[in-house]
Amino acid sequence: MPESGPYTIDYNGLMLTITEHYIEGSRVFHVKFANHLKPLNLVVVESTKGTKYWTSVPPGRQAEADEIGPLIGWYYHNKKK
């Protein structure tokens, strides 16, 4: 699948630049912050109970994944059409 982006999302007044990449069949969202924060990679995964959720790759930035992931999902489903 082709990579797409970049597009921008407002995250509490901070602009994020998002690009989508496909690595070994998995869609990875690369997030660049408009400040000093390190870039973040996010993916959607499925729990053992079948629930989908956002997580960071590599692990360790789950709080950001929990907040930013749904914003990406909203953008993807509402603005990219």
C-alpha atoms as a PDB file:
ATOM      1  CA  MET A   1       0.000   0.000   0.000  1.00  0.00           C
ATOM      2  CA  PRO A   2       1.223   3.539  -0.665  1.00  0.00           C
ATOM      3  CA  GLU A   3       2.399   5.843   2.062  1.00  0.00           C
ATOM      4  CA  SER A   4       0.337   8.963   2.593  1.00  0.00           C
ATOM      5  CA  GLY A   5       0.504  12.334   4.218  1.00  0.00           C
ATOM      6  CA  PRO A   6       1.646  14.530   5.513  1.00  0.00           C
ATOM      7  CA  TYR A   7      -1.389  16.022   7.162  1.00  0.00           C
ATOM      8  CA  THR A   8      -1.650  18.111  10.306  1.00  0.00           C
ATOM      9  CA  ILE A   9      -3.744  17.704  13.434  1.00  0.00           C
ATOM     10  CA  ASP A  10      -4.232  20.134  16.290  1.00  0.00           C
ATOM     11  CA  TYR A  11      -3.376  18.507  19.631  1.00  0.00           C
ATOM     12  CA  ASN A  12      -4.278  20.900  22.441  1.00  0.00           C
ATOM     13  CA  GLY A  13      -2.975  23.871  20.455  1.00  0.00           C
ATOM     14  CA  LEU A  14       0.157  22.049  19.262  1.00  0.00           C
ATOM     15  CA  MET A  15       0.325  21.134  15.589  1.00  0.00           C
ATOM     16  CA  LEU A  16       1.246  17.550  14.799  1.00  0.00           C
ATOM     17  CA  THR A  17       2.422  16.434  11.363  1.00  0.00           C
ATOM     18  CA  ILE A  18       1.310  12.891  10.561  1.00  0.00           C
ATOM     19  CA  THR A  19       2.558  10.561   7.837  1.00  0.00           C
ATOM     20  CA  GLU A  20       1.399   6.990   7.241  1.00  0.00           C
ATOM     21  CA  HIS A  21       3.798   4.199   6.374  1.00  0.00           C
ATOM     22  CA  TYR A  22       3.335   0.497   5.741  1.00  0.00           C
ATOM     23  CA  ILE A  23       5.908  -1.834   7.262  1.00  0.00           C
ATOM     24  CA  GLU A  24       5.523  -5.564   6.663  1.00  0.00           C
ATOM     25  CA  GLY A  25       1.787  -5.083   6.094  1.00  0.00           C
ATOM     26  CA  SER A  26       1.221  -2.979   9.220  1.00  0.00           C
ATOM     27  CA  ARG A  27       0.149   0.656   9.032  1.00  0.00           C
ATOM     28  CA  VAL A  28       2.382   2.895  11.143  1.00  0.00           C
ATOM     29  CA  PHE A  29       1.581   6.540  11.842  1.00  0.00           C
ATOM     30  CA  HIS A  30       4.663   8.735  12.298  1.00  0.00           C
ATOM     31  CA  VAL A  31       3.919  11.821  14.403  1.00  0.00           C
ATOM     32  CA  LYS A  32       6.179  14.880  14.407  1.00  0.00           C
ATOM     33  CA  PHE A  33       5.556  17.504  17.073  1.00  0.00           C
ATOM     34  CA  ALA A  34       5.898  21.250  16.433  1.00  0.00           C
ATOM     35  CA  ASN A  35       7.972  21.611  19.610  1.00  0.00           C
ATOM     36  CA  HIS A  36      10.864  19.839  21.343  1.00  0.00           C
ATOM     37  CA  LEU A  37       9.148  16.427  21.798  1.00  0.00           C
ATOM     38  CA  LYS A  38      10.667  13.428  20.032  1.00  0.00           C
ATOM     39  CA  PRO A  39       8.711  12.012  17.092  1.00  0.00           C
ATOM     40  CA  LEU A  40       6.268   9.228  17.917  1.00  0.00           C
ATOM     41  CA  ASN A  41       5.244   6.102  15.996  1.00  0.00           C
ATOM     42  CA  LEU A  42       1.741   4.758  16.576  1.00  0.00           C
ATOM     43  CA  VAL A  43      -0.068   1.610  15.478  1.00  0.00           C
ATOM     44  CA  VAL A  44      -3.491   0.121  16.114  1.00  0.00           C
ATOM     45  CA  VAL A  45      -3.316  -3.332  17.698  1.00  0.00           C
ATOM     46  CA  GLU A  46      -5.896  -5.834  18.867  1.00  0.00           C
ATOM     47  CA  SER A  47      -5.923  -7.176  22.421  1.00  0.00           C
ATOM     48  CA  THR A  48      -6.398 -10.840  23.240  1.00  0.00           C
ATOM     49  CA  LYS A  49     -10.057  -9.972  23.965  1.00  0.00           C
ATOM     50  CA  GLY A  50     -10.532  -8.502  20.480  1.00  0.00           C
ATOM     51  CA  THR A  51     -10.506  -4.839  21.497  1.00  0.00           C
ATOM     52  CA  LYS A  52      -8.535  -2.486  19.235  1.00  0.00           C
ATOM     53  CA  TYR A  53      -6.377   0.229  20.761  1.00  0.00           C
ATOM     54  CA  TRP A  54      -3.524   2.584  19.878  1.00  0.00           C
ATOM     55  CA  THR A  55       0.003   1.939  21.108  1.00  0.00           C
ATOM     56  CA  SER A  56       3.447   3.423  20.587  1.00  0.00           C
ATOM     57  CA  VAL A  57       6.306   1.689  18.803  1.00  0.00           C
ATOM     58  CA  PRO A  58       8.628   1.175  20.526  1.00  0.00           C
ATOM     59  CA  PRO A  59       6.580   0.900  23.726  1.00  0.00           C
ATOM     60  CA  GLY A  60       6.844   3.494  26.463  1.00  0.00           C
ATOM     61  CA  ARG A  61       4.681   6.401  25.330  1.00  0.00           C
ATOM     62  CA  GLN A  62       1.250   4.903  25.938  1.00  0.00           C
ATOM     63  CA  ALA A  63      -0.235   8.056  27.472  1.00  0.00           C
ATOM     64  CA  GLU A  64       0.492   9.960  24.253  1.00  0.00           C
ATOM     65  CA  ALA A  65      -0.801   7.052  22.149  1.00  0.00           C
ATOM     66  CA  ASP A  66      -4.059   7.061  24.119  1.00  0.00           C
ATOM     67  CA  GLU A  67      -4.573  10.782  23.417  1.00  0.00           C
ATOM     68  CA  ILE A  68      -3.165  11.215  19.910  1.00  0.00           C
ATOM     69  CA  GLY A  69      -4.290   7.922  18.354  1.00  0.00           C
ATOM     70  CA  PRO A  70      -8.020   8.715  18.538  1.00  0.00           C
ATOM     71  CA  LEU A  71      -7.350  12.149  16.981  1.00  0.00           C
ATOM     72  CA  ILE A  72      -5.660  10.441  14.045  1.00  0.00           C
ATOM     73  CA  GLY A  73      -8.565   7.993  13.800  1.00  0.00           C
ATOM     74  CA  TRP A  74     -11.076  10.828  13.770  1.00  0.00           C
ATOM     75  CA  TYR A  75      -9.119  12.692  11.107  1.00  0.00           C
ATOM     76  CA  TYR A  76      -8.684   9.608   8.987  1.00  0.00           C
ATOM     77  CA  HIS A  77     -12.369   8.710   9.055  1.00  0.00           C
ATOM     78  CA  ASN A  78     -13.781  12.225   8.732  1.00  0.00           C
ATOM     79  CA  LYS A  79     -11.381  14.466   6.835  1.00  0.00           C
ATOM     80  CA  LYS A  80      -9.622  12.191   4.346  1.00  0.00           C
ATOM     81  CA  LYS A  81     -12.839  11.306   2.495  1.00  0.00           C
END
